[in-house]
Amino acid sequence: MDTQQAIAPSRAPSAGVVHINIRLTDGYSIISNRLSQHRDMSLLAIGLGTHIQSLPAGRRIGVKALAAIFPESEARIAAALRELEHHGFLRRTRERVRGGRVATRTESYNHPEAAARRAEAGARAGAVATSARVIDPAPAPVRVPEREPAPAPVPASEPPVVREPDPVPRLVPPPAAPKPPPPPLPFPRRPSAPLFGEAARLLAGLQVSAPLFALSEVDVERLTPGVAAWLERGVRPDAVRGALTDDPPVPLRHPAKLLRHRLIALLPPPVPAAVPVVPLQNCDDCDRAFRSPVPGCCGECRDVRAYADDEPCLLGA
């Protein structure tokens, strides 16, 4: 009779997800866990960021192009794109192309922190090279000082001449020194389409009550997350409008920049969470009032019921 072979125990976990992976040779993309396991972004933003990183370079990822593929609305897709841009996975810049047109360039990052460190190191290296070209002159040839003749004796009536040292040249910082980045615009903790819609309507309507604050469509889109953060913190629309437009400087040349500064500098603190109030209940046995989320007996009466059994209680030594 053959000896039965022992089968090694399975290493699969007893609970939770079990991965059944097949080695892929084509049709796959490498996605960083910094995106797929991000804790501060919605699932829609994580899924949209994964889709964007799987696309080839040059593919259009506008709101209308994505809404034509996926069932989500344009408002939800726009909110997800803003989340990705806020956390550094997307960066949009406007560049001038052939024919004098202005196009939007979108950059997708799989490691925003490393990309920021690389850009900072490149800017620092460029600043050091510029500083070396501006400050350090060409080295002068080394000269061997000639021996000076011995000074003639000075009469006792004349004080000795003291030679002052040459002034030390001042180092001027290069004009291309990197400037600190501006502080980020506030962003709501729980973004939603109704919240962004109300914020956009508030910004677009500022010119009605304050004609100096006539904003372009691009300015409204950029400032919408900041106003949404204010509204999420419980500030009424009239109070937001007053805080942003009261007492503007004269003349007001850049209303969008002033609004951005006030949205950052005057951001109110978040509303503290309300402490739940436990209601009062009447005890079914003694009719005394006690606090509990459900009706029943108070603590003393529950203890009495617990030890008032019909059967005798056996105590172990």
Protein backbone atom coordinates (compact mmCIF):
# COMPACT_ATOMS: atom_id res chain seq x y z
CA MET A 1 0.00 0.00 0.00
CA ASP A 2 1.37 3.37 -1.00
CA THR A 3 2.19 5.87 1.72
CA GLN A 4 -0.09 8.91 1.66
CA GLN A 5 1.88 12.12 1.15
CA ALA A 6 1.29 15.05 3.48
CA ILE A 7 0.03 18.20 1.80
CA ALA A 8 1.57 21.49 2.96
CA PRO A 9 -0.96 23.79 4.64
CA SER A 10 -2.22 26.67 2.52
CA ARG A 11 -0.75 30.09 3.22
CA ALA A 12 -3.97 31.88 2.25
CA PRO A 13 -5.43 34.00 5.06
CA SER A 14 -8.47 32.70 6.89
CA ALA A 15 -10.34 35.99 6.44
CA GLY A 16 -10.23 39.02 4.20
CA VAL A 17 -9.28 39.30 0.56
CA VAL A 18 -7.39 36.49 -1.19
CA HIS A 19 -5.43 37.48 -4.32
CA ILE A 20 -5.60 35.11 -7.30
CA ASN A 21 -2.87 36.69 -9.44
CA ILE A 22 -1.80 35.59 -12.91
CA ARG A 23 1.51 36.80 -14.34
CA LEU A 24 0.79 39.53 -16.89
CA THR A 25 2.84 39.94 -20.04
CA ASP A 26 0.86 42.72 -21.76
CA GLY A 27 -1.98 45.15 -21.12
CA TYR A 28 -1.00 46.25 -17.62
CA SER A 29 0.22 49.40 -15.81
CA ILE A 30 2.29 49.89 -12.65
CA ILE A 31 0.32 51.98 -10.13
CA SER A 32 1.90 53.27 -6.92
CA ASN A 33 0.30 52.41 -3.58
CA ARG A 34 0.59 56.11 -2.74
CA LEU A 35 -2.39 56.53 -5.07
CA SER A 36 -4.27 53.26 -4.74
CA GLN A 37 -4.17 53.29 -0.90
CA HIS A 38 -4.46 57.04 -0.30
CA ARG A 39 -6.38 57.74 2.91
CA ASP A 40 -7.45 61.34 2.24
CA MET A 41 -9.00 60.94 -1.22
CA SER A 42 -12.34 59.54 -2.31
CA LEU A 43 -12.63 56.24 -4.14
CA LEU A 44 -13.74 58.11 -7.25
CA ALA A 45 -10.55 60.21 -7.23
CA ILE A 46 -8.37 57.14 -6.64
CA GLY A 47 -10.05 55.26 -9.49
CA LEU A 48 -9.82 58.23 -11.83
CA GLY A 49 -6.14 58.73 -10.97
CA THR A 50 -5.49 55.04 -11.68
CA HIS A 51 -7.23 55.36 -15.05
CA ILE A 52 -5.23 58.48 -15.95
CA GLN A 53 -1.89 56.85 -15.09
CA SER A 54 -2.79 53.88 -17.32
CA LEU A 55 -3.38 56.10 -20.38
CA PRO A 56 -0.71 56.71 -23.00
CA ALA A 57 0.94 60.13 -23.23
CA GLY A 58 -1.02 62.64 -25.26
CA ARG A 59 -4.50 61.28 -24.43
CA ARG A 60 -7.09 63.96 -23.57
CA ILE A 61 -8.43 63.79 -20.01
CA GLY A 62 -10.85 66.72 -19.96
CA VAL A 63 -14.09 66.55 -18.01
CA LYS A 64 -16.23 66.06 -21.13
CA ALA A 65 -13.90 63.40 -22.54
CA LEU A 66 -14.01 61.41 -19.28
CA ALA A 67 -17.78 61.85 -18.87
CA ALA A 68 -18.24 60.34 -22.33
CA ILE A 69 -16.52 57.15 -21.11
CA PHE A 70 -17.71 56.75 -17.51
CA PRO A 71 -21.24 56.96 -16.04
CA GLU A 72 -20.32 59.64 -13.46
CA SER A 73 -21.49 63.21 -14.06
CA GLU A 74 -19.22 66.03 -15.14
CA ALA A 75 -19.52 67.64 -11.70
CA ARG A 76 -18.30 64.49 -9.89
CA ILE A 77 -15.45 64.01 -12.38
CA ALA A 78 -14.41 67.65 -11.96
CA ALA A 79 -14.41 67.26 -8.17
CA ALA A 80 -12.24 64.12 -8.46
CA LEU A 81 -9.78 65.94 -10.73
CA ARG A 82 -9.53 68.75 -8.17
CA GLU A 83 -8.76 66.18 -5.45
CA LEU A 84 -5.95 64.70 -7.55
CA GLU A 85 -4.58 68.16 -8.25
CA HIS A 86 -4.83 69.16 -4.58
CA HIS A 87 -2.83 66.09 -3.44
CA GLY A 88 -0.16 66.53 -6.15
CA PHE A 89 -1.04 63.65 -8.49
CA LEU A 90 -2.08 66.09 -11.24
CA ARG A 91 -0.62 69.44 -12.28
CA ARG A 92 -2.21 71.66 -14.89
CA THR A 93 -0.44 74.59 -16.54
CA ARG A 94 -1.40 76.81 -19.45
CA GLU A 95 1.10 77.15 -22.31
CA ARG A 96 1.11 79.06 -25.57
CA VAL A 97 1.31 76.79 -28.64
CA ARG A 98 1.56 77.39 -32.36
CA GLY A 99 -0.84 79.86 -33.87
CA GLY A 100 -0.99 82.00 -30.71
CA ARG A 101 -3.43 79.63 -28.97
CA VAL A 102 -3.26 78.79 -25.25
CA ALA A 103 -3.50 75.09 -24.35
CA THR A 104 -3.70 73.33 -20.99
CA ARG A 105 -0.84 70.93 -20.23
CA THR A 106 -1.67 68.21 -17.70
CA GLU A 107 1.08 66.26 -15.90
CA SER A 108 0.36 63.02 -14.01
CA TYR A 109 2.64 62.06 -11.10
CA ASN A 110 2.93 58.59 -9.53
CA HIS A 111 5.15 59.91 -6.68
CA PRO A 112 4.34 63.61 -5.96
CA GLU A 113 6.77 63.91 -3.04
CA ALA A 114 9.76 62.59 -5.02
CA ALA A 115 8.88 64.80 -8.00
CA ALA A 116 8.72 67.86 -5.74
CA ARG A 117 12.11 67.01 -4.20
CA ARG A 118 13.65 66.54 -7.65
CA ALA A 119 12.27 69.89 -8.86
CA GLU A 120 13.53 71.62 -5.70
CA ALA A 121 17.00 70.08 -6.11
CA GLY A 122 17.12 71.18 -9.77
CA ALA A 123 16.09 74.74 -8.85
CA ARG A 124 18.70 74.82 -6.07
CA ALA A 125 21.43 73.58 -8.43
CA GLY A 126 20.46 76.20 -11.02
CA ALA A 127 20.57 78.92 -8.38
CA VAL A 128 24.02 77.82 -7.23
CA ALA A 129 25.32 77.82 -10.82
CA THR A 130 23.87 81.28 -11.42
CA SER A 131 25.37 82.52 -8.15
CA ALA A 132 28.79 81.20 -9.15
CA ARG A 133 28.61 83.00 -12.49
CA VAL A 134 27.49 86.29 -10.91
CA ILE A 135 29.60 86.45 -7.78
CA ASP A 136 32.80 84.51 -8.41
CA PRO A 137 35.13 86.41 -10.79
CA ALA A 138 37.81 84.75 -12.87
CA PRO A 139 40.79 83.79 -10.69
CA ALA A 140 43.56 86.35 -10.92
CA PRO A 141 47.16 85.23 -11.46
CA VAL A 142 49.17 84.71 -8.30
CA ARG A 143 51.78 87.32 -7.73
CA VAL A 144 54.80 86.94 -5.51
CA PRO A 145 55.02 90.09 -3.39
CA GLU A 146 58.28 91.95 -3.69
CA ARG A 147 60.26 92.68 -0.57
CA GLU A 148 59.55 96.20 0.51
CA PRO A 149 62.47 98.34 1.67
CA ALA A 150 62.78 98.99 5.36
CA PRO A 151 60.74 102.04 6.37
CA ALA A 152 62.62 105.16 7.22
CA PRO A 153 62.74 106.05 10.89
CA VAL A 154 59.85 108.27 11.90
CA PRO A 155 60.56 111.23 14.14
CA ALA A 156 59.22 110.93 17.65
CA SER A 157 56.99 113.95 17.18
CA GLU A 158 54.95 112.36 14.34
CA PRO A 159 52.47 109.51 15.14
CA PRO A 160 52.90 106.25 13.23
CA VAL A 161 50.67 105.76 10.16
CA VAL A 162 48.15 102.96 10.61
CA ARG A 163 47.00 101.29 7.38
CA GLU A 164 43.37 100.18 7.39
CA PRO A 165 42.56 96.77 5.88
CA ASP A 166 40.85 96.62 2.52
CA PRO A 167 37.02 96.39 2.73
CA VAL A 168 35.56 92.89 2.30
CA PRO A 169 33.43 92.68 -0.87
CA ARG A 170 29.71 92.15 -0.23
CA LEU A 171 28.10 89.08 -1.73
CA VAL A 172 24.91 89.95 -3.61
CA PRO A 173 22.30 87.14 -3.92
CA PRO A 174 21.59 86.11 -7.50
CA PRO A 175 18.45 87.51 -9.11
CA ALA A 176 17.27 83.98 -9.99
CA ALA A 177 17.21 82.75 -6.37
CA PRO A 178 14.21 80.40 -5.78
CA LYS A 179 11.23 81.92 -3.99
CA PRO A 180 9.17 79.98 -1.44
CA PRO A 181 6.02 78.49 -2.95
CA PRO A 182 2.73 80.24 -2.13
CA PRO A 183 0.52 78.61 0.50
CA PRO A 184 -2.07 76.20 -0.92
CA LEU A 185 -5.72 77.16 -1.30
CA PRO A 186 -8.06 75.61 1.31
CA PHE A 187 -9.80 72.43 0.18
CA PRO A 188 -12.92 70.85 1.74
CA ARG A 189 -12.50 67.63 3.69
CA ARG A 190 -15.60 66.08 2.12
CA PRO A 191 -15.90 67.49 -1.40
CA SER A 192 -19.19 67.04 -3.21
CA ALA A 193 -20.84 68.33 -6.35
CA PRO A 194 -23.55 70.40 -4.52
CA LEU A 195 -20.90 72.03 -2.33
CA PHE A 196 -18.71 72.98 -5.32
CA GLY A 197 -21.77 74.16 -7.23
CA GLU A 198 -22.85 76.52 -4.45
CA ALA A 199 -19.29 77.87 -4.14
CA ALA A 200 -19.06 78.49 -7.90
CA ARG A 201 -22.41 80.33 -7.92
CA LEU A 202 -21.27 82.52 -5.03
CA LEU A 203 -18.08 83.51 -6.86
CA ALA A 204 -19.85 84.14 -10.14
CA GLY A 205 -22.38 86.38 -8.38
CA LEU A 206 -19.86 88.60 -6.58
CA GLN A 207 -19.98 91.16 -9.39
CA VAL A 208 -23.68 91.79 -8.66
CA SER A 209 -23.09 93.11 -5.13
CA ALA A 210 -19.44 94.16 -5.65
CA PRO A 211 -18.83 95.23 -9.29
CA LEU A 212 -15.06 95.46 -8.69
CA PHE A 213 -14.90 91.67 -8.28
CA ALA A 214 -15.76 90.61 -11.84
CA LEU A 215 -14.04 87.24 -12.27
CA SER A 216 -13.28 85.19 -15.35
CA GLU A 217 -14.41 81.59 -15.78
CA VAL A 218 -10.88 80.34 -15.09
CA ASP A 219 -10.68 82.39 -11.85
CA VAL A 220 -14.01 80.99 -10.66
CA GLU A 221 -12.83 77.43 -11.31
CA ARG A 222 -9.55 77.97 -9.43
CA LEU A 223 -11.12 79.67 -6.39
CA THR A 224 -14.11 77.31 -6.03
CA PRO A 225 -12.35 74.81 -3.68
CA GLY A 226 -11.40 77.63 -1.28
CA VAL A 227 -14.98 78.94 -1.03
CA ALA A 228 -16.24 75.35 -0.67
CA ALA A 229 -13.92 74.91 2.33
CA TRP A 230 -15.48 78.00 3.95
CA LEU A 231 -19.02 76.77 3.32
CA GLU A 232 -18.13 73.32 4.68
CA ARG A 233 -17.05 74.97 7.95
CA GLY A 234 -20.51 76.41 8.48
CA VAL A 235 -19.96 79.97 7.23
CA ARG A 236 -23.11 81.43 5.63
CA PRO A 237 -22.86 82.61 2.01
CA ASP A 238 -23.56 86.24 3.03
CA ALA A 239 -20.71 86.11 5.56
CA VAL A 240 -18.35 84.62 2.96
CA ARG A 241 -19.31 87.32 0.46
CA GLY A 242 -18.72 90.07 3.02
CA ALA A 243 -15.37 88.72 4.20
CA LEU A 244 -14.09 88.48 0.63
CA THR A 245 -15.28 91.81 -0.77
CA ASP A 246 -15.39 94.29 2.15
CA ASP A 247 -12.94 97.22 2.14
CA PRO A 248 -10.99 96.46 -1.07
CA PRO A 249 -7.81 98.43 -1.86
CA VAL A 250 -8.04 101.36 -4.24
CA PRO A 251 -7.32 100.83 -7.05
CA LEU A 252 -8.10 97.11 -7.23
CA ARG A 253 -5.96 95.71 -10.04
CA HIS A 254 -6.09 91.96 -9.36
CA PRO A 255 -9.39 90.91 -7.72
CA ALA A 256 -8.68 87.17 -8.11
CA LYS A 257 -5.35 87.47 -6.25
CA LEU A 258 -7.02 89.43 -3.45
CA LEU A 259 -9.74 86.78 -3.11
CA ARG A 260 -7.15 84.00 -3.00
CA HIS A 261 -5.20 85.84 -0.26
CA ARG A 262 -8.32 86.40 1.84
CA LEU A 263 -9.52 82.80 1.41
CA ILE A 264 -6.19 81.60 2.86
CA ALA A 265 -5.51 84.28 5.49
CA LEU A 266 -9.08 84.60 6.88
CA LEU A 267 -10.03 80.89 6.85
CA PRO A 268 -12.24 80.24 9.93
CA PRO A 269 -11.61 77.22 12.17
CA PRO A 270 -13.65 74.06 11.57
CA VAL A 271 -16.93 73.73 13.41
CA PRO A 272 -16.46 71.52 16.51
CA ALA A 273 -18.39 68.29 16.50
CA ALA A 274 -21.63 68.43 18.48
CA VAL A 275 -21.67 66.36 21.67
CA PRO A 276 -24.61 63.95 21.53
CA VAL A 277 -27.15 64.42 24.32
CA VAL A 278 -28.32 61.19 25.96
CA PRO A 279 -32.09 61.42 26.61
CA LEU A 280 -33.75 60.87 29.97
CA GLN A 281 -35.66 57.63 30.58
CA ASN A 282 -37.95 56.48 33.41
CA CYS A 283 -36.94 53.24 35.11
CA ASP A 284 -39.50 50.44 34.62
CA ASP A 285 -39.04 49.21 38.20
CA CYS A 286 -38.43 52.23 40.47
CA ASP A 287 -39.79 54.95 38.10
CA ARG A 288 -36.69 57.10 38.68
CA ALA A 289 -35.17 59.15 35.85
CA PHE A 290 -31.86 58.06 34.33
CA ARG A 291 -30.00 58.81 31.11
CA SER A 292 -29.89 56.09 28.48
CA PRO A 293 -30.36 55.88 24.70
CA VAL A 294 -32.99 53.14 25.16
CA PRO A 295 -35.76 52.70 27.76
CA GLY A 296 -35.49 50.04 30.45
CA CYS A 297 -34.15 49.85 33.99
CA CYS A 298 -31.63 52.00 35.79
CA GLY A 299 -28.27 50.62 36.88
CA GLU A 300 -29.32 49.73 40.43
CA CYS A 301 -32.44 47.90 39.27
CA ARG A 302 -30.45 45.99 36.65
CA ASP A 303 -28.07 44.80 39.38
CA VAL A 304 -31.03 43.72 41.50
CA ARG A 305 -32.48 41.77 38.59
CA ALA A 306 -29.13 40.14 37.83
CA TYR A 307 -28.81 38.68 41.31
CA ALA A 308 -32.51 37.93 41.92
CA ASP A 309 -32.53 34.50 40.20
CA ASP A 310 -34.99 31.73 41.17
CA GLU A 311 -32.25 29.08 41.17
CA PRO A 312 -29.60 29.13 43.93
CA CYS A 313 -26.28 30.70 43.07
CA LEU A 314 -23.25 28.41 43.53
CA LEU A 315 -20.07 30.15 44.65
CA GLY A 316 -16.80 28.41 43.88
CA ALA A 317 -13.97 28.48 46.42
